[in-house]
């Protein structure tokens, strides 16, 4: 269907998208051979080794959940050194750099996240074998941070000036325990109502995440008085109640339609082998990209827990003690307000620009990323890969391998920023 072939010479692209303020449609001609854009793209390719150095050095600064400060301070120093002395760290730890536009264009935010899933004390030394790098977080999301720096450097050195404002961010709290707290703050506080387009760089390759998988996570605690396993036998057990609940959860059928999942990921409790347990805690996760399915799954999970609790208490009718259950919400990620398809303007723009770089377009997919927050607010948002390839994300064996076309990841990010913020002349239909 598409007759465009892979060529080294960039081809002018006509990109159509909806104005985020819903003021009507407009078409922006985005030309990769525009002098400033071409300088920036050439600079990204020429400075690929520099970008890899940023990726490695930032990765070797620990950034466990809620302790991203050291990495954030280093990121701020590095982006300031590229010619952005206005870079600042906000009250929650996000590193924010605003680049003023010429005027008249949308405001675009490009972000990579500072935090990793790995706990404090994890060894983060990067091991290199040729073009392969191995370390916790090397791809997720040290690559994203390096791409943001690469775009900043290329825009400065290429003298790229967009019509709209560009905001570059290294944010905290993307991973599970962080519950998207960095981007939540940006969209609910400091930049509330001020962002027209959002992109995060998370993961590798040239993929697009265009749909938000919402999630609910609870820490569920079962409590009771406990007692001696022999002397107090006949008293209900918190761990037994939890076990019954888990068995009920394991038998659940997910709602039909959009993919919906559930999991009990962590269990803990008890004091000794000969104690009727006074406590037991389990962490429960459920996900779906459909808000109704997520709510149905939430109700099913809570019913399964209630039935397990009731069964354990009923098992010992003569006991004066009862087990109780308490919920602690440890994470809620919203579902996207509007479903985005490959024909949605922002997603289609991203695909067109991948083709402009001579790479195949992959179907967009669903995921749980920082883009969930703007998607839930109805703001056009996607998450893109940072180029190259890798694997074992969220494992200490995580690896990243630079490829001959690895530099096209940051090139893609730059072209998307320029396309959405506007550069060059605007052509009306």
Protein backbone atom coordinates (compact mmCIF):
# COMPACT_ATOMS: atom_id res chain seq x y z
CA UNK A 1 0.00 0.00 0.00
CA UNK A 2 2.79 2.38 0.92
CA UNK A 3 5.25 2.92 -1.87
CA UNK A 4 7.72 4.97 0.14
CA UNK A 5 11.13 3.24 0.16
CA UNK A 6 14.01 3.49 2.58
CA UNK A 7 16.25 6.33 1.47
CA UNK A 8 19.01 8.30 3.11
CA UNK A 9 17.58 11.57 1.73
CA UNK A 10 14.68 12.73 3.95
CA UNK A 11 11.33 13.26 2.28
CA UNK A 12 8.96 16.09 3.18
CA UNK A 13 5.92 14.81 5.05
CA UNK A 14 2.48 16.32 5.24
CA UNK A 15 1.21 15.62 8.76
CA UNK A 16 -2.41 16.12 9.77
CA UNK A 17 -3.51 16.44 13.37
CA UNK A 18 -6.28 17.94 15.45
CA UNK A 19 -5.56 21.11 17.42
CA UNK A 20 -5.51 20.05 21.05
CA UNK A 21 -7.56 23.06 22.06
CA UNK A 22 -10.24 21.81 19.65
CA UNK A 23 -10.11 25.05 17.65
CA UNK A 24 -10.34 23.11 14.40
CA UNK A 25 -8.11 21.01 12.19
CA UNK A 26 -4.85 22.19 10.75
CA UNK A 27 -2.12 20.61 8.72
CA UNK A 28 1.50 21.27 9.52
CA UNK A 29 4.16 20.55 6.94
CA UNK A 30 7.00 18.90 8.81
CA UNK A 31 10.13 18.66 6.71
CA UNK A 32 13.07 16.62 7.97
CA UNK A 33 15.23 18.47 5.44
CA UNK A 34 14.31 21.85 6.93
CA UNK A 35 17.80 23.36 7.62
CA UNK A 36 17.49 23.49 11.41
CA UNK A 37 15.82 20.09 11.66
CA UNK A 38 18.40 18.50 9.37
CA UNK A 39 21.24 19.95 11.47
CA UNK A 40 19.61 18.51 14.59
CA UNK A 41 19.08 15.07 13.05
CA UNK A 42 22.64 14.95 11.75
CA UNK A 43 23.89 16.01 15.18
CA UNK A 44 22.02 13.19 16.91
CA UNK A 45 23.56 10.63 14.58
CA UNK A 46 27.07 12.05 14.91
CA UNK A 47 26.85 12.21 18.70
CA UNK A 48 25.46 8.73 19.30
CA UNK A 49 28.50 7.73 21.37
CA UNK A 50 27.95 10.80 23.57
CA UNK A 51 24.35 9.77 24.16
CA UNK A 52 25.40 6.24 25.14
CA UNK A 53 27.78 7.74 27.67
CA UNK A 54 24.91 9.71 29.22
CA UNK A 55 22.81 6.56 29.36
CA UNK A 56 25.52 4.57 31.14
CA UNK A 57 26.60 7.27 33.57
CA UNK A 58 23.08 8.14 34.66
CA UNK A 59 22.29 4.46 35.08
CA UNK A 60 25.16 4.07 37.55
CA UNK A 61 23.49 6.57 39.90
CA UNK A 62 21.00 4.60 42.04
CA UNK A 63 17.39 5.76 41.77
CA UNK A 64 15.19 3.38 43.79
CA UNK A 65 11.54 4.31 44.31
CA UNK A 66 11.18 7.62 46.17
CA UNK A 67 14.96 8.13 46.20
CA UNK A 68 15.59 9.57 42.74
CA UNK A 69 17.10 12.82 44.01
CA UNK A 70 20.77 12.10 43.23
CA UNK A 71 20.02 11.03 39.67
CA UNK A 72 17.71 14.01 39.23
CA UNK A 73 20.34 16.47 40.40
CA UNK A 74 22.87 15.00 37.99
CA UNK A 75 20.38 15.14 35.14
CA UNK A 76 19.71 18.81 35.90
CA UNK A 77 23.43 19.58 35.83
CA UNK A 78 23.82 17.85 32.50
CA UNK A 79 20.92 19.53 30.76
CA UNK A 80 21.95 22.91 32.18
CA UNK A 81 25.44 22.35 30.74
CA UNK A 82 23.89 21.87 27.30
CA UNK A 83 22.76 25.50 27.38
CA UNK A 84 19.62 25.37 29.53
CA UNK A 85 20.51 27.12 32.79
CA UNK A 86 16.79 27.51 33.52
CA UNK A 87 16.49 23.77 34.27
CA UNK A 88 15.00 23.30 37.73
CA UNK A 89 13.89 20.61 40.17
CA UNK A 90 10.31 21.03 41.33
CA UNK A 91 8.83 20.26 44.73
CA UNK A 92 8.33 16.52 44.07
CA UNK A 93 11.70 15.94 42.37
CA UNK A 94 10.90 16.31 38.66
CA UNK A 95 13.61 17.99 36.58
CA UNK A 96 11.87 20.50 34.31
CA UNK A 97 13.33 22.50 31.42
CA UNK A 98 11.17 24.93 29.46
CA UNK A 99 12.16 25.97 25.94
CA UNK A 100 10.21 29.00 24.78
CA UNK A 101 8.58 28.86 21.36
CA UNK A 102 8.28 31.52 18.69
CA UNK A 103 4.58 31.75 19.47
CA UNK A 104 1.32 30.42 18.16
CA UNK A 105 1.95 26.70 18.57
CA UNK A 106 0.87 23.96 20.97
CA UNK A 107 2.81 23.21 24.15
CA UNK A 108 4.52 19.82 24.03
CA UNK A 109 6.02 17.87 26.92
CA UNK A 110 8.69 15.19 26.38
CA UNK A 111 9.59 13.06 29.40
CA UNK A 112 11.75 10.18 30.59
CA UNK A 113 11.50 8.80 34.13
CA UNK A 114 14.25 8.87 36.75
CA UNK A 115 13.17 5.99 38.97
CA UNK A 116 13.77 2.26 38.68
CA UNK A 117 11.94 -0.72 40.17
CA UNK A 118 15.05 -1.87 42.00
CA UNK A 119 15.37 -1.45 45.77
CA UNK A 120 18.03 0.51 47.57
CA UNK A 121 21.33 -1.36 47.63
CA UNK A 122 20.98 -2.89 44.16
CA UNK A 123 24.32 -2.92 42.30
CA UNK A 124 23.89 -0.67 39.27
CA UNK A 125 27.36 -0.89 37.75
CA UNK A 126 27.05 -1.18 33.96
CA UNK A 127 28.88 -4.07 32.30
CA UNK A 128 29.78 -3.65 28.64
CA UNK A 129 30.56 -6.25 26.03
CA UNK A 130 30.92 -4.62 22.63
CA UNK A 131 27.66 -2.79 21.92
CA UNK A 132 25.78 -4.64 24.68
CA UNK A 133 25.30 -3.02 28.08
CA UNK A 134 23.93 -4.87 31.11
CA UNK A 135 22.64 -3.21 34.29
CA UNK A 136 19.39 -2.76 36.21
CA UNK A 137 17.46 0.05 34.51
CA UNK A 138 19.80 0.46 31.52
CA UNK A 139 16.82 0.44 29.16
CA UNK A 140 13.98 1.32 31.53
CA UNK A 141 14.48 4.16 31.71
CA UNK A 142 18.08 5.32 31.43
CA UNK A 143 17.57 5.16 27.67
CA UNK A 144 14.62 7.52 27.97
CA UNK A 145 16.68 9.99 30.00
CA UNK A 146 19.49 9.85 27.42
CA UNK A 147 17.01 10.47 24.60
CA UNK A 148 15.66 13.57 26.36
CA UNK A 149 19.22 14.88 26.76
CA UNK A 150 19.98 14.08 23.12
CA UNK A 151 16.92 16.00 21.94
CA UNK A 152 17.87 18.95 24.14
CA UNK A 153 21.42 19.00 22.76
CA UNK A 154 20.27 18.67 19.15
CA UNK A 155 17.69 21.44 19.45
CA UNK A 156 20.26 23.79 20.93
CA UNK A 157 23.08 23.02 18.51
CA UNK A 158 20.77 22.81 15.48
CA UNK A 159 19.06 26.09 16.42
CA UNK A 160 15.66 24.40 16.23
CA UNK A 161 12.94 26.78 17.32
CA UNK A 162 9.40 25.56 17.44
CA UNK A 163 6.27 27.68 17.36
CA UNK A 164 4.99 26.24 20.61
CA UNK A 165 6.74 25.82 23.94
CA UNK A 166 8.66 22.57 24.52
CA UNK A 167 8.98 21.22 28.06
CA UNK A 168 11.61 18.57 28.69
CA UNK A 169 11.15 16.51 31.85
CA UNK A 170 12.99 13.86 33.85
CA UNK A 171 10.23 12.78 36.19
CA UNK A 172 10.03 10.80 39.40
CA UNK A 173 7.66 8.01 40.33
CA UNK A 174 6.77 6.15 37.14
CA UNK A 175 7.36 2.66 38.43
CA UNK A 176 4.86 0.73 40.56
CA UNK A 177 5.37 2.15 44.06
CA UNK A 178 5.66 5.67 42.65
CA UNK A 179 2.11 5.45 41.25
CA UNK A 180 2.93 8.01 38.50
CA UNK A 181 3.38 10.67 41.18
CA UNK A 182 5.75 12.84 39.12
CA UNK A 183 3.47 13.21 36.11
CA UNK A 184 0.38 13.39 38.35
CA UNK A 185 1.91 16.47 39.94
CA UNK A 186 2.74 18.05 36.59
CA UNK A 187 -0.77 17.65 35.20
CA UNK A 188 -2.71 18.28 38.40
CA UNK A 189 -0.65 21.16 39.75
CA UNK A 190 2.17 23.03 38.05
CA UNK A 191 1.03 22.47 34.45
CA UNK A 192 -2.67 21.90 34.96
CA UNK A 193 -4.49 22.81 31.74
CA UNK A 194 -1.28 23.99 30.06
CA UNK A 195 -0.09 20.94 28.08
CA UNK A 196 -1.46 20.17 24.62
CA UNK A 197 0.59 17.07 23.79
CA UNK A 198 2.57 14.65 25.96
CA UNK A 199 5.17 12.04 25.04
CA UNK A 200 7.18 9.82 27.33
CA UNK A 201 10.19 7.82 26.19
CA UNK A 202 10.09 4.47 27.93
CA UNK A 203 11.55 1.23 26.66
CA UNK A 204 13.38 0.44 23.46
CA UNK A 205 12.76 0.06 19.75
CA UNK A 206 10.43 2.27 17.73
CA UNK A 207 7.12 1.26 19.29
CA UNK A 208 4.13 3.41 20.20
CA UNK A 209 1.98 2.88 23.28
CA UNK A 210 -1.25 4.66 22.47
CA UNK A 211 -3.72 3.14 24.93
CA UNK A 212 -3.61 3.30 28.71
CA UNK A 213 -3.88 0.13 30.76
CA UNK A 214 -5.42 1.21 34.03
CA UNK A 215 -4.68 -0.59 37.27
CA UNK A 216 -5.75 -0.87 40.88
CA UNK A 217 -3.44 -2.20 43.57
CA UNK A 218 -4.26 -2.94 47.16
CA UNK A 219 -2.37 -4.13 50.18
CA UNK A 220 -4.99 -6.24 51.98
CA UNK A 221 -4.35 -6.92 55.68
CA UNK A 222 -6.11 -9.62 57.70
CA UNK A 223 -5.88 -9.14 61.48
CA UNK A 224 -6.94 -10.95 64.64
CA UNK A 225 -5.76 -11.56 68.21
CA UNK A 226 -3.75 -14.68 67.43
CA UNK A 227 -2.85 -17.33 69.95
CA UNK A 228 -0.88 -20.49 70.72
CA UNK A 229 -1.30 -23.11 67.99
CA UNK A 230 -2.10 -25.79 70.59
CA UNK A 231 -3.50 -23.94 73.58
CA UNK A 232 -5.73 -21.59 71.59
CA UNK A 233 -6.71 -24.03 68.87
CA UNK A 234 -10.20 -23.24 67.61
CA UNK A 235 -9.46 -19.57 67.02
CA UNK A 236 -9.59 -18.22 63.42
CA UNK A 237 -6.28 -17.45 61.74
CA UNK A 238 -5.44 -14.35 59.71
CA UNK A 239 -3.26 -16.41 57.39
CA UNK A 240 -5.96 -19.05 56.91
CA UNK A 241 -8.44 -16.30 56.03
CA UNK A 242 -5.98 -14.86 53.57
CA UNK A 243 -5.40 -18.30 52.06
CA UNK A 244 -9.13 -18.83 51.55
CA UNK A 245 -9.35 -15.40 49.90
CA UNK A 246 -6.44 -16.19 47.59
CA UNK A 247 -8.05 -19.48 46.59
CA UNK A 248 -11.26 -17.63 45.76
CA UNK A 249 -9.35 -15.05 43.71
CA UNK A 250 -7.56 -17.80 41.81
CA UNK A 251 -10.93 -19.21 40.68
CA UNK A 252 -12.22 -15.91 39.30
CA UNK A 253 -13.13 -15.47 35.63
CA UNK A 254 -12.22 -12.10 34.12
CA UNK A 255 -14.90 -9.98 32.41
CA UNK A 256 -15.36 -10.44 28.67
CA UNK A 257 -14.06 -7.92 26.16
CA UNK A 258 -10.90 -5.90 26.67
CA UNK A 259 -8.01 -7.80 28.23
CA UNK A 260 -8.33 -7.79 32.00
CA UNK A 261 -5.93 -9.40 34.47
CA UNK A 262 -5.42 -9.96 38.19
CA UNK A 263 -2.63 -11.19 40.41
CA UNK A 264 -1.70 -11.71 44.05
CA UNK A 265 1.97 -10.82 43.94
CA UNK A 266 3.19 -10.64 47.54
CA UNK A 267 2.06 -12.48 50.70
CA UNK A 268 3.49 -12.14 54.17
CA UNK A 269 2.55 -12.49 57.84
CA UNK A 270 2.74 -14.65 60.93
CA UNK A 271 5.05 -14.64 63.92
CA UNK A 272 6.12 -18.26 64.43
CA UNK A 273 5.35 -21.80 63.34
CA UNK A 274 3.39 -22.47 66.54
CA UNK A 275 1.34 -19.28 66.59
CA UNK A 276 -2.17 -18.87 65.20
CA UNK A 277 -1.36 -15.94 63.00
CA UNK A 278 -2.61 -12.51 64.16
CA UNK A 279 -1.83 -10.97 60.79
CA UNK A 280 -1.45 -11.71 57.11
CA UNK A 281 -1.01 -9.30 54.21
CA UNK A 282 -1.28 -9.76 50.47
CA UNK A 283 -0.69 -7.30 47.63
CA UNK A 284 -3.22 -7.53 44.82
CA UNK A 285 -2.93 -6.11 41.30
CA UNK A 286 -5.64 -5.86 38.63
CA UNK A 287 -5.43 -4.25 35.18
CA UNK A 288 -7.52 -3.43 32.13
CA UNK A 289 -7.66 -0.79 29.41
CA UNK A 290 -11.46 -0.74 29.82
CA UNK A 291 -12.74 1.22 32.80
CA UNK A 292 -15.89 -0.89 33.19
CA UNK A 293 -13.88 -4.11 33.20
CA UNK A 294 -11.50 -2.69 35.76
CA UNK A 295 -14.40 -1.77 38.04
CA UNK A 296 -15.98 -5.21 37.59
CA UNK A 297 -12.67 -6.90 38.44
CA UNK A 298 -12.33 -4.70 41.50
CA UNK A 299 -15.77 -5.80 42.72
CA UNK A 300 -15.00 -9.48 42.03
CA UNK A 301 -11.72 -9.30 43.96
CA UNK A 302 -13.33 -7.64 46.96
CA UNK A 303 -16.16 -10.19 46.96
CA UNK A 304 -13.63 -13.05 46.84
CA UNK A 305 -11.83 -11.58 49.83
CA UNK A 306 -15.06 -11.06 51.77
CA UNK A 307 -16.10 -14.68 51.13
CA UNK A 308 -12.70 -15.94 52.31
CA UNK A 309 -12.93 -13.87 55.47
CA UNK A 310 -16.48 -15.05 56.21
CA UNK A 311 -15.55 -18.69 55.63
CA UNK A 312 -12.65 -18.57 58.08
CA UNK A 313 -14.71 -16.89 60.79
CA UNK A 314 -17.60 -19.34 60.23
CA UNK A 315 -15.21 -22.30 60.49
CA UNK A 316 -14.70 -21.59 64.21
CA UNK A 317 -18.15 -20.56 65.53
CA UNK A 318 -17.23 -21.00 69.20
CA UNK A 319 -14.32 -18.59 69.05
CA UNK A 320 -15.00 -15.18 70.64
CA UNK A 321 -12.38 -13.66 68.33
CA UNK A 322 -12.93 -12.79 64.70
CA UNK A 323 -10.65 -11.89 61.83
CA UNK A 324 -11.06 -8.46 60.25
CA UNK A 325 -9.80 -7.14 56.92
CA UNK A 326 -8.40 -3.73 56.01
CA UNK A 327 -7.53 -2.27 52.59
CA UNK A 328 -4.67 0.09 51.83
CA UNK A 329 -4.59 1.50 48.29
CA UNK A 330 -1.02 1.32 47.03
CA UNK A 331 -1.60 2.39 43.45
CA UNK A 332 -4.28 3.48 41.03
CA UNK A 333 -3.46 4.17 37.39
CA UNK A 334 -6.28 5.62 35.31
CA UNK A 335 -7.63 4.25 32.05
CA UNK A 336 -7.46 6.54 29.02
CA UNK A 337 -10.48 8.81 28.60
CA UNK A 338 -10.50 8.42 24.82
CA UNK A 339 -9.37 5.26 23.01
CA UNK A 340 -6.56 5.99 20.54
CA UNK A 341 -6.12 3.97 17.37
CA UNK A 342 -3.47 3.97 14.67
CA UNK A 343 -5.57 6.50 12.78
CA UNK A 344 -5.73 8.94 15.70
CA UNK A 345 -3.83 12.10 14.62
CA UNK A 346 -0.97 11.92 17.11
CA UNK A 347 -0.47 8.19 16.62
CA UNK A 348 -0.61 8.56 12.84
CA UNK A 349 1.94 11.38 12.96
CA UNK A 350 4.28 9.13 14.94
CA UNK A 351 3.91 6.38 12.32
CA UNK A 352 4.52 8.77 9.44
CA UNK A 353 7.72 9.98 11.03
CA UNK A 354 8.99 6.43 11.58
CA UNK A 355 8.52 5.86 7.84
CA UNK A 356 10.35 9.11 7.14
CA UNK A 357 13.32 7.65 8.99
CA UNK A 358 13.18 4.59 6.73
CA UNK A 359 11.92 2.19 9.38
CA UNK A 360 8.84 -0.07 9.39
CA UNK A 361 5.80 1.07 11.32
CA UNK A 362 4.65 -1.25 14.08
CA UNK A 363 1.04 -1.36 15.28
CA UNK A 364 0.48 0.73 18.39
CA UNK A 365 -0.33 -1.03 21.61
CA UNK A 366 -1.53 -0.68 25.19
CA UNK A 367 0.58 -0.22 28.29
CA UNK A 368 0.87 1.32 31.72
CA UNK A 369 3.15 4.36 31.53
CA UNK A 370 3.38 8.02 32.49
CA UNK A 371 1.12 8.73 29.50
CA UNK A 372 -1.80 7.22 31.47
CA UNK A 373 -2.27 10.51 33.32
CA UNK A 374 -2.74 12.84 30.33
CA UNK A 375 -4.69 10.12 28.48
CA UNK A 376 -7.12 9.97 31.41
CA UNK A 377 -7.60 13.74 31.11
CA UNK A 378 -8.36 13.55 27.39
CA UNK A 379 -5.01 15.08 26.40
CA UNK A 380 -3.35 13.52 23.32
CA UNK A 381 -0.47 11.42 24.66
CA UNK A 382 1.71 8.49 23.68
CA UNK A 383 4.74 6.64 24.94
CA UNK A 384 7.47 5.86 22.44
CA UNK A 385 10.52 3.62 22.45
CA UNK A 386 14.00 5.10 22.54
CA UNK A 387 15.43 3.05 19.67
CA UNK A 388 17.94 0.17 19.58
CA UNK A 389 16.94 -3.05 21.38
CA UNK A 390 17.17 -4.87 24.70
CA UNK A 391 15.48 -7.21 27.14
CA UNK A 392 14.97 -8.45 30.72
CA UNK A 393 13.31 -5.22 31.82
CA UNK A 394 12.73 -5.08 35.60
CA UNK A 395 15.36 -7.78 36.16
CA UNK A 396 18.92 -7.29 37.37
CA UNK A 397 20.01 -8.89 34.08
CA UNK A 398 18.38 -6.10 32.07
CA UNK A 399 20.34 -5.38 28.91
CA UNK A 400 20.54 -2.85 26.11
CA UNK A 401 22.24 -3.28 22.76
CA UNK A 402 23.01 -0.39 20.48
CA UNK A 403 22.20 -1.14 16.86
CA UNK A 404 23.38 0.48 13.62
CA UNK A 405 20.13 2.47 13.56
CA UNK A 406 19.87 3.01 17.31
CA UNK A 407 20.27 6.76 16.88
CA UNK A 408 16.91 6.86 15.08
CA UNK A 409 15.14 6.63 18.44
CA UNK A 410 16.15 10.14 19.53
CA UNK A 411 15.77 11.38 15.95
CA UNK A 412 12.17 10.18 16.05
CA UNK A 413 11.56 11.94 19.36
CA UNK A 414 12.94 15.19 17.96
CA UNK A 415 10.81 14.98 14.81
CA UNK A 416 7.71 14.34 16.92
CA UNK A 417 8.43 17.33 19.14
CA UNK A 418 8.98 19.56 16.11
CA UNK A 419 5.87 18.23 14.38
CA UNK A 420 3.54 18.72 17.32
CA UNK A 421 4.91 22.03 18.56
CA UNK A 422 5.06 23.30 14.99
CA UNK A 423 8.03 24.40 12.95
CA UNK A 424 8.16 26.18 9.62
CA UNK A 425 5.11 27.42 7.82
CA UNK A 426 1.57 26.28 8.49
CA UNK A 427 -0.49 25.28 5.49
CA UNK A 428 -4.29 25.34 5.66
CA UNK A 429 -6.38 22.87 3.70
